[in-house]
C-alpha cells in the first residue's frame, strides 16, 4: 500500500481530531454505538480487560485473581464478539475490543455498533493517544477512582471515513504497525541480551575475579565450586550486620529533605534521616525481595529496605554486586506477601577476596556496566522513537492526514 499527503482537508471542528479529508464525516459516538445492557450469554466465558489482548478469557491469564467458583455469571454483562468494553483502567486507554463470546464484570460497560463499521479501524482509533487524552479530559479525578462512563463517550465526536476506507486504513496499520513492532522486538531482545551479558560479567567477577588462569581451590559453596586460591569463604554476618529500616508513612514522604530509600531505591524525601554513610540496601518485601540498591550520605532507610551495615571494611560495589548475583529473592518466606528471611541471608556463605582485589573488582564492574548501560540507553531511545512514530502514524491514518491507496 502507498501513502501520500492528502491535499484536500477540512477542519473537523473537533480539537483532538484536527483536519480530516473533505469526504469524511464527524459523528457523535451515540449515533454509531449503543450501550449493551443485557446480562449472561450462551457462552459463559468470563472475559477480563487487558491492554495487550483486549477482552480475554480470565482463566488464561497468569497472575490474575480468579473469581469464586460459584459465581453466577448469568448476572455478568453480556459480551459478543466485536463488542467494545470500557474497563476500569480507562485512563490507560481502556477501550478494549472482544474477539470472544462471553461475559464480563458488571463494573465494565459494553457497547456495540449500530451501523456497519470496520471494527479494527475503531479498535485502533480508541487506542490512539489523542483519543485517550481527550476521553481522560472529560472525567475529572479519573486517577482517584472515577471512571469514564458510556455517557461520556456517547457525547464525544469521532472521525468516520467511508467503510471501504476504514478497511484500507485497518489493513495498512496492521501491516505497518507489525513491521514497527518487529523492529521494537529486535531492540528489546538486544537489551535483554545486553542485560544478560552485564550480569554474566558481574557474576564472573565477584565469584572468580578478573584475573584469568589464577590457581583455584574448593570453596565448599555448592553454587560456586571453585574460587581463587587466595580468597576465603565466610558467612555474610561476619562482614555485615543486616537489619530492617524504620517505618515511615506515605503521608510523611515529601518532595524535599533527606532521601527516603525503600525496596526499589529512592521513594521521596523526609525531614529526618536514620542513616549516614555508604550502604548496600536489600529489598525486603513483595516483588522487590532481594533487590539491590546503594545509598550514600544522610538518608532514611524505610521498613521495606534491609540495611547492610559493615562490620569490617569492604568495597561497597563488590559487596552489593556479589549479593545481586546471588538471587536473594529465592530466600523469601511466603506470607500475605513474600518477605526475605534476614536470618537465612546472614548465614549464607560467600567468597571474599582481599580488600585490594575487591576494589579492583568493584571498579572493573563499574567501568564495564557503564559501557553496557550506555548501549542499553541507546536501544531504549530507539524503542521510544519507534513507539512515537507508531503513535504518530496511527493518528495520521485514523484521522485521514495521510492517504492510504
Protein backbone atom coordinates (compact mmCIF):
# COMPACT_ATOMS: atom_id res chain seq x y z
CA UNK A 1 0.00 0.00 0.00
CA UNK A 2 1.12 3.56 -0.74
CA UNK A 3 0.64 6.59 1.47
CA UNK A 4 0.74 10.18 0.23
CA UNK A 5 -0.07 13.50 1.84
CA UNK A 6 -3.73 14.38 1.39
CA UNK A 7 -4.21 17.87 -0.01
CA UNK A 8 -7.97 18.32 0.30
CA UNK A 9 -8.60 18.59 4.02
CA UNK A 10 -11.19 20.42 6.06
CA UNK A 11 -11.39 21.47 9.67
CA UNK A 12 -13.27 18.81 11.61
CA UNK A 13 -14.30 21.32 14.24
CA UNK A 14 -13.02 18.95 16.91
CA UNK A 15 -9.76 19.91 18.56
CA UNK A 16 -8.33 16.44 19.19
CA UNK A 17 -9.10 15.33 15.63
CA UNK A 18 -7.93 18.39 13.72
CA UNK A 19 -8.26 18.32 9.94
CA UNK A 20 -9.88 15.44 8.08
CA UNK A 21 -10.48 14.64 4.40
CA UNK A 22 -13.31 16.60 2.82
CA UNK A 23 -15.40 13.48 2.16
CA UNK A 24 -15.15 12.17 5.75
CA UNK A 25 -17.81 12.77 8.37
CA UNK A 26 -17.67 13.61 12.05
CA UNK A 27 -20.34 11.86 14.09
CA UNK A 28 -21.26 11.74 17.73
CA UNK A 29 -20.42 8.36 19.19
CA UNK A 30 -24.05 7.87 20.22
CA UNK A 31 -25.01 7.82 16.54
CA UNK A 32 -22.60 4.95 15.89
CA UNK A 33 -22.72 2.88 19.07
CA UNK A 34 -25.22 1.75 21.70
CA UNK A 35 -24.78 0.56 25.26
CA UNK A 36 -25.39 -3.17 25.76
CA UNK A 37 -27.42 -3.71 28.92
CA UNK A 38 -28.19 -7.43 28.76
CA UNK A 39 -26.79 -9.99 31.20
CA UNK A 40 -25.47 -13.51 30.69
CA UNK A 41 -24.66 -15.27 27.43
CA UNK A 42 -24.99 -18.68 25.80
CA UNK A 43 -21.21 -18.83 26.33
CA UNK A 44 -20.48 -18.06 29.99
CA UNK A 45 -16.76 -17.40 29.45
CA UNK A 46 -15.52 -14.83 31.96
CA UNK A 47 -13.64 -12.17 30.00
CA UNK A 48 -11.19 -9.69 31.53
CA UNK A 49 -9.90 -6.43 30.04
CA UNK A 50 -6.22 -6.45 29.09
CA UNK A 51 -4.07 -3.79 27.45
CA UNK A 52 -2.41 -6.28 25.08
CA UNK A 53 -5.10 -8.85 24.22
CA UNK A 54 -8.31 -6.82 24.54
CA UNK A 55 -11.11 -8.77 26.23
CA UNK A 56 -9.55 -12.13 27.04
CA UNK A 57 -10.61 -15.27 28.94
CA UNK A 58 -9.61 -14.68 32.53
CA UNK A 59 -8.77 -18.34 33.09
CA UNK A 60 -5.94 -18.00 30.56
CA UNK A 61 -4.33 -15.00 32.26
CA UNK A 62 -1.42 -15.59 34.63
CA UNK A 63 -1.20 -13.73 37.92
CA UNK A 64 -4.85 -12.69 37.91
CA UNK A 65 -7.05 -13.41 40.91
CA UNK A 66 -9.83 -15.69 39.73
CA UNK A 67 -13.42 -15.15 40.83
CA UNK A 68 -15.11 -17.65 43.14
CA UNK A 69 -16.10 -20.97 41.57
CA UNK A 70 -19.77 -20.48 42.48
CA UNK A 71 -20.00 -17.03 40.85
CA UNK A 72 -23.27 -16.55 38.97
CA UNK A 73 -22.08 -15.48 35.52
CA UNK A 74 -25.64 -15.06 34.33
CA UNK A 75 -25.63 -11.76 36.24
CA UNK A 76 -22.48 -10.52 34.45
CA UNK A 77 -22.64 -8.22 31.44
CA UNK A 78 -23.12 -9.81 28.02
CA UNK A 79 -20.17 -9.56 25.65
CA UNK A 80 -20.48 -10.57 22.00
CA UNK A 81 -17.66 -10.86 19.51
CA UNK A 82 -16.64 -7.41 18.20
CA UNK A 83 -18.24 -5.62 21.13
CA UNK A 84 -16.19 -2.88 22.77
CA UNK A 85 -15.72 -2.64 26.52
CA UNK A 86 -14.83 0.35 28.70
CA UNK A 87 -12.74 -1.11 31.51
CA UNK A 88 -11.81 0.31 34.90
CA UNK A 89 -8.43 1.37 33.57
CA UNK A 90 -9.83 3.82 31.08
CA UNK A 91 -7.14 6.39 31.86
CA UNK A 92 -4.63 3.91 30.37
CA UNK A 93 -6.65 3.56 27.21
CA UNK A 94 -9.15 1.00 28.45
CA UNK A 95 -11.42 0.80 25.42
CA UNK A 96 -11.00 -2.87 24.54
CA UNK A 97 -12.48 -4.95 21.72
CA UNK A 98 -13.57 -8.55 22.26
CA UNK A 99 -12.76 -11.38 19.90
CA UNK A 100 -14.66 -13.75 22.18
CA UNK A 101 -18.21 -14.51 23.23
CA UNK A 102 -18.68 -14.35 26.97
CA UNK A 103 -19.48 -12.15 29.94
CA UNK A 104 -17.58 -9.51 31.87
CA UNK A 105 -17.65 -7.80 35.23
CA UNK A 106 -20.69 -5.61 35.98
CA UNK A 107 -18.15 -2.83 36.65
CA UNK A 108 -17.36 -2.73 32.93
CA UNK A 109 -19.54 -1.12 30.26
CA UNK A 110 -20.16 -2.85 26.94
CA UNK A 111 -21.15 -1.14 23.69
CA UNK A 112 -21.70 -2.22 20.09
CA UNK A 113 -22.04 -0.64 16.67
CA UNK A 114 -25.45 0.35 15.32
CA UNK A 115 -24.24 0.73 11.73
CA UNK A 116 -21.77 -1.28 9.62
CA UNK A 117 -18.18 -0.44 10.57
CA UNK A 118 -14.69 -1.87 10.29
CA UNK A 119 -14.20 -2.97 13.88
CA UNK A 120 -10.41 -2.89 13.69
CA UNK A 121 -10.43 0.72 12.47
CA UNK A 122 -12.26 1.80 15.62
CA UNK A 123 -10.14 -0.54 17.73
CA UNK A 124 -7.05 1.36 16.60
CA UNK A 125 -8.78 4.74 16.89
CA UNK A 126 -9.69 4.00 20.51
CA UNK A 127 -6.03 3.17 21.24
CA UNK A 128 -4.65 6.36 19.72
CA UNK A 129 -3.02 8.68 22.24
CA UNK A 130 -5.07 11.71 21.15
CA UNK A 131 -8.36 9.87 21.71
CA UNK A 132 -7.23 8.56 25.11
CA UNK A 133 -6.11 12.02 26.23
CA UNK A 134 -9.40 13.52 25.08
CA UNK A 135 -11.50 10.92 26.89
CA UNK A 136 -9.48 11.41 30.06
CA UNK A 137 -10.07 15.16 29.87
CA UNK A 138 -13.81 14.52 30.14
CA UNK A 139 -13.53 12.92 33.55
CA UNK A 140 -12.01 14.91 36.39
CA UNK A 141 -10.36 12.79 39.07
CA UNK A 142 -10.23 9.66 36.97
CA UNK A 143 -6.99 8.53 38.62
CA UNK A 144 -8.69 8.78 42.00
CA UNK A 145 -11.24 6.19 41.04
CA UNK A 146 -13.81 7.92 38.82
CA UNK A 147 -14.13 6.01 35.57
CA UNK A 148 -15.18 7.06 32.08
CA UNK A 149 -18.83 6.25 31.53
CA UNK A 150 -20.51 5.34 28.25
CA UNK A 151 -22.46 8.58 28.54
CA UNK A 152 -19.15 10.50 28.46
CA UNK A 153 -18.10 8.58 25.37
CA UNK A 154 -21.52 8.92 23.68
CA UNK A 155 -21.24 12.71 23.67
CA UNK A 156 -17.82 12.69 22.03
CA UNK A 157 -17.20 13.15 18.31
CA UNK A 158 -15.40 10.60 16.14
CA UNK A 159 -13.96 10.76 12.61
CA UNK A 160 -15.90 8.46 10.27
CA UNK A 161 -14.38 7.63 6.88
CA UNK A 162 -16.32 5.58 4.31
CA UNK A 163 -16.48 1.89 5.21
CA UNK A 164 -14.10 0.74 2.48
CA UNK A 165 -11.59 3.36 3.60
CA UNK A 166 -11.90 2.21 7.20
CA UNK A 167 -10.94 -1.25 5.99
CA UNK A 168 -7.96 0.02 3.98
CA UNK A 169 -6.70 2.02 6.95
CA UNK A 170 -7.10 -1.00 9.22
CA UNK A 171 -5.16 -3.27 6.85
CA UNK A 172 -2.44 -0.66 6.32
CA UNK A 173 -1.93 -0.06 10.03
CA UNK A 174 -1.93 -3.80 10.76
CA UNK A 175 0.94 -4.25 8.31
CA UNK A 176 2.91 -1.10 9.20
CA UNK A 177 2.50 -1.47 12.97
CA UNK A 178 3.50 -5.11 12.64
CA UNK A 179 6.73 -4.03 10.95
CA UNK A 180 7.39 -1.43 13.63
CA UNK A 181 6.63 -3.91 16.41
CA UNK A 182 9.13 -6.35 14.89
CA UNK A 183 11.80 -3.63 14.98
CA UNK A 184 10.90 -2.89 18.61
CA UNK A 185 11.12 -6.59 19.45
CA UNK A 186 14.61 -6.74 17.92
CA UNK A 187 15.76 -3.80 20.02
CA UNK A 188 14.17 -5.25 23.17
CA UNK A 189 15.90 -8.58 22.55
CA UNK A 190 19.20 -6.73 22.20
CA UNK A 191 18.56 -5.02 25.53
CA UNK A 192 17.77 -8.38 27.11
CA UNK A 193 20.98 -9.83 25.69
CA UNK A 194 23.00 -6.86 26.96
CA UNK A 195 21.44 -7.20 30.42
CA UNK A 196 22.29 -10.91 30.47
CA UNK A 197 25.83 -10.11 29.34
CA UNK A 198 26.15 -7.47 32.06
CA UNK A 199 25.00 -9.91 34.73
CA UNK A 200 27.37 -12.60 33.41
CA UNK A 201 30.28 -10.15 33.69
CA UNK A 202 29.28 -9.25 37.24
CA UNK A 203 28.80 -12.85 38.35
CA UNK A 204 32.13 -13.94 36.89
CA UNK A 205 33.95 -11.02 38.51
CA UNK A 206 32.52 -11.44 42.04
CA UNK A 207 32.86 -15.24 42.10
CA UNK A 208 36.14 -15.80 40.22
CA UNK A 209 37.82 -12.40 40.00
CA UNK A 210 39.04 -10.52 36.95
CA UNK A 211 42.46 -12.17 36.55
CA UNK A 212 42.37 -15.15 34.20
CA UNK A 213 44.04 -18.51 34.88
CA UNK A 214 44.70 -17.99 38.58
CA UNK A 215 45.18 -21.03 40.86
CA UNK A 216 41.88 -22.17 42.38
CA UNK A 217 40.64 -24.20 45.33
CA UNK A 218 37.39 -25.78 46.53
CA UNK A 219 35.09 -23.18 48.03
CA UNK A 220 32.72 -25.53 49.87
CA UNK A 221 29.93 -23.33 48.47
CA UNK A 222 27.64 -25.52 46.32
CA UNK A 223 26.80 -22.73 43.85
CA UNK A 224 30.48 -21.74 43.42
CA UNK A 225 32.62 -24.91 43.46
CA UNK A 226 35.97 -23.18 42.75
CA UNK A 227 37.34 -19.81 43.83
CA UNK A 228 40.81 -18.21 43.53
CA UNK A 229 43.29 -19.75 45.94
CA UNK A 230 43.95 -16.50 47.82
CA UNK A 231 40.25 -15.93 48.57
CA UNK A 232 38.43 -17.06 51.72
CA UNK A 233 34.85 -18.06 52.40
CA UNK A 234 32.77 -16.77 55.27
CA UNK A 235 29.20 -16.03 56.26
CA UNK A 236 27.65 -12.68 55.39
CA UNK A 237 27.01 -11.94 59.06
CA UNK A 238 30.76 -11.73 59.72
CA UNK A 239 31.13 -8.95 57.15
CA UNK A 240 27.92 -7.04 57.65
CA UNK A 241 25.09 -6.68 60.10
CA UNK A 242 21.68 -6.86 58.40
CA UNK A 243 18.58 -5.16 59.81
CA UNK A 244 15.39 -3.56 58.55
CA UNK A 245 14.94 0.19 58.23
CA UNK A 246 12.38 2.21 60.18
CA UNK A 247 8.69 2.70 59.44
CA UNK A 248 7.58 5.76 57.54
CA UNK A 249 4.11 6.53 56.25
CA UNK A 250 3.29 7.69 52.74
CA UNK A 251 1.96 10.95 54.20
CA UNK A 252 5.37 11.72 55.76
CA UNK A 253 7.20 11.45 52.43
CA UNK A 254 7.63 14.84 50.73
CA UNK A 255 9.49 16.40 47.80
CA UNK A 256 12.34 17.83 49.84
CA UNK A 257 14.62 16.89 52.72
CA UNK A 258 16.68 13.74 53.12
CA UNK A 259 16.27 10.89 50.60
CA UNK A 260 13.99 8.02 51.60
CA UNK A 261 15.02 4.59 50.31
CA UNK A 262 12.77 1.54 50.18
CA UNK A 263 12.99 -1.76 48.39
CA UNK A 264 13.22 -0.17 44.95
CA UNK A 265 15.54 2.76 45.58
CA UNK A 266 14.52 6.38 46.08
CA UNK A 267 10.89 6.82 47.25
CA UNK A 268 10.93 10.53 48.04
CA UNK A 269 12.21 12.72 50.87
CA UNK A 270 11.76 13.22 54.61
CA UNK A 271 12.80 15.90 57.08
CA UNK A 272 14.80 13.39 59.16
CA UNK A 273 17.41 10.72 58.49
CA UNK A 274 18.27 7.47 60.26
CA UNK A 275 21.48 6.53 58.39
CA UNK A 276 24.62 8.41 57.43
CA UNK A 277 27.31 6.78 55.31
CA UNK A 278 27.60 4.39 52.38
CA UNK A 279 25.37 1.31 52.48
CA UNK A 280 24.05 -1.56 50.39
CA UNK A 281 20.27 -1.89 50.73
CA UNK A 282 18.29 -5.07 50.02
CA UNK A 283 14.61 -5.02 49.12
CA UNK A 284 12.73 -6.79 51.91
CA UNK A 285 9.14 -7.39 50.75
CA UNK A 286 6.91 -8.33 47.84
CA UNK A 287 8.11 -8.34 44.27
CA UNK A 288 11.17 -6.32 45.34
CA UNK A 289 12.58 -9.08 47.56
CA UNK A 290 16.31 -9.28 47.00
CA UNK A 291 16.51 -6.04 45.00
CA UNK A 292 19.91 -4.34 45.48
CA UNK A 293 20.39 -0.58 45.81
CA UNK A 294 23.10 1.77 47.07
CA UNK A 295 22.62 4.73 49.40
CA UNK A 296 25.12 7.45 50.24
CA UNK A 297 25.27 10.23 52.82
CA UNK A 298 22.36 11.06 55.10
CA UNK A 299 19.10 9.27 54.26
CA UNK A 300 16.10 7.46 55.73
CA UNK A 301 16.01 3.69 55.26
CA UNK A 302 12.37 2.60 55.32
CA UNK A 303 10.94 -0.64 56.67
CA UNK A 304 10.95 -2.01 53.11
CA UNK A 305 14.74 -2.00 52.98
CA UNK A 306 17.31 -4.20 54.71
CA UNK A 307 20.39 -2.16 55.62
CA UNK A 308 23.78 -3.88 55.27
CA UNK A 309 25.91 -2.26 57.97
CA UNK A 310 29.63 -3.10 57.53
CA UNK A 311 31.32 -4.83 60.45
CA UNK A 312 34.67 -4.84 58.68
CA UNK A 313 35.98 -2.78 55.77
CA UNK A 314 34.88 -3.96 52.34
CA UNK A 315 34.34 -2.41 48.92
CA UNK A 316 30.72 -1.34 48.60
CA UNK A 317 30.23 -2.13 44.89
CA UNK A 318 31.95 -5.51 45.18
CA UNK A 319 29.69 -6.47 48.09
CA UNK A 320 26.48 -5.15 46.53
CA UNK A 321 27.07 -6.85 43.18
CA UNK A 322 28.00 -10.09 44.90
CA UNK A 323 24.65 -10.01 46.69
CA UNK A 324 22.88 -9.17 43.41
CA UNK A 325 24.46 -12.20 41.73
CA UNK A 326 23.12 -14.47 44.49
CA UNK A 327 19.45 -14.01 43.50
CA UNK A 328 18.39 -13.34 47.09
CA UNK A 329 14.65 -13.41 46.34
CA UNK A 330 14.88 -17.21 46.42
CA UNK A 331 15.15 -16.87 50.21
CA UNK A 332 11.80 -15.14 50.63
CA UNK A 333 9.24 -16.52 53.05
CA UNK A 334 5.64 -16.85 51.88
CA UNK A 335 3.14 -14.78 53.82
CA UNK A 336 0.48 -12.22 52.89
CA UNK A 337 3.27 -11.02 50.62
CA UNK A 338 6.76 -12.53 50.25
CA UNK A 339 9.40 -11.27 52.67
CA UNK A 340 13.10 -12.02 52.94
CA UNK A 341 14.32 -14.14 55.80
CA UNK A 342 17.13 -12.00 57.20
CA UNK A 343 18.45 -14.90 59.25
CA UNK A 344 18.86 -17.00 56.11
CA UNK A 345 20.65 -14.18 54.32
CA UNK A 346 23.01 -13.58 57.25
CA UNK A 347 24.10 -17.20 57.28
CA UNK A 348 24.81 -17.58 53.58
CA UNK A 349 28.42 -18.36 52.70
CA UNK A 350 30.18 -16.03 50.26
CA UNK A 351 33.62 -15.92 48.61
CA UNK A 352 35.73 -12.99 49.83
CA UNK A 353 38.83 -11.69 48.01
CA UNK A 354 41.45 -9.47 49.70
CA UNK A 355 40.33 -5.83 50.04
CA UNK A 356 42.65 -4.60 47.30
CA UNK A 357 41.15 -7.13 44.90
CA UNK A 358 37.64 -6.15 45.98
CA UNK A 359 38.46 -2.59 44.90
CA UNK A 360 39.76 -3.81 41.52
CA UNK A 361 36.65 -5.93 41.00
CA UNK A 362 34.33 -3.10 42.02
CA UNK A 363 36.00 -0.60 39.68
CA UNK A 364 36.03 -3.15 36.85
CA UNK A 365 32.31 -3.80 37.28
CA UNK A 366 31.52 -0.08 37.34
CA UNK A 367 33.50 0.50 34.15
CA UNK A 368 32.04 -2.43 32.22
CA UNK A 369 28.49 -1.78 33.39
CA UNK A 370 28.77 1.88 32.45
CA UNK A 371 29.70 0.87 28.89
CA UNK A 372 26.83 -1.62 28.67
CA UNK A 373 24.35 0.81 30.22
CA UNK A 374 25.22 3.36 27.52
CA UNK A 375 24.45 0.77 24.84
CA UNK A 376 21.18 -0.10 26.56
CA UNK A 377 20.27 3.60 26.76
CA UNK A 378 20.76 3.95 23.00
CA UNK A 379 18.50 0.94 22.41
CA UNK A 380 15.84 2.30 24.76
CA UNK A 381 15.89 5.66 22.99
CA UNK A 382 15.46 3.90 19.66
CA UNK A 383 12.50 1.96 21.04
CA UNK A 384 10.91 5.18 22.30
CA UNK A 385 11.41 6.79 18.87
CA UNK A 386 9.77 3.79 17.18
CA UNK A 387 6.84 3.91 19.61
CA UNK A 388 6.35 7.62 18.99
CA UNK A 389 6.49 7.03 15.24
CA UNK A 390 3.94 4.24 15.62
CA UNK A 391 1.55 6.51 17.53
CA UNK A 392 2.05 9.34 15.05
CA UNK A 393 1.38 7.01 12.14
CA UNK A 394 -1.79 5.71 13.77
CA UNK A 395 -3.12 9.22 14.40
CA UNK A 396 -2.25 10.40 10.90
CA UNK A 397 -4.02 7.37 9.39
CA UNK A 398 -7.18 7.24 11.51
CA UNK A 399 -7.81 10.96 11.03
CA UNK A 400 -7.05 10.93 7.31
CA UNK A 401 -3.94 13.11 7.39
CA UNK A 402 -2.35 10.58 5.01
CA UNK A 403 -3.97 8.79 2.11
CA UNK A 404 -3.99 5.01 2.12
CA UNK A 405 -4.20 3.98 -1.54
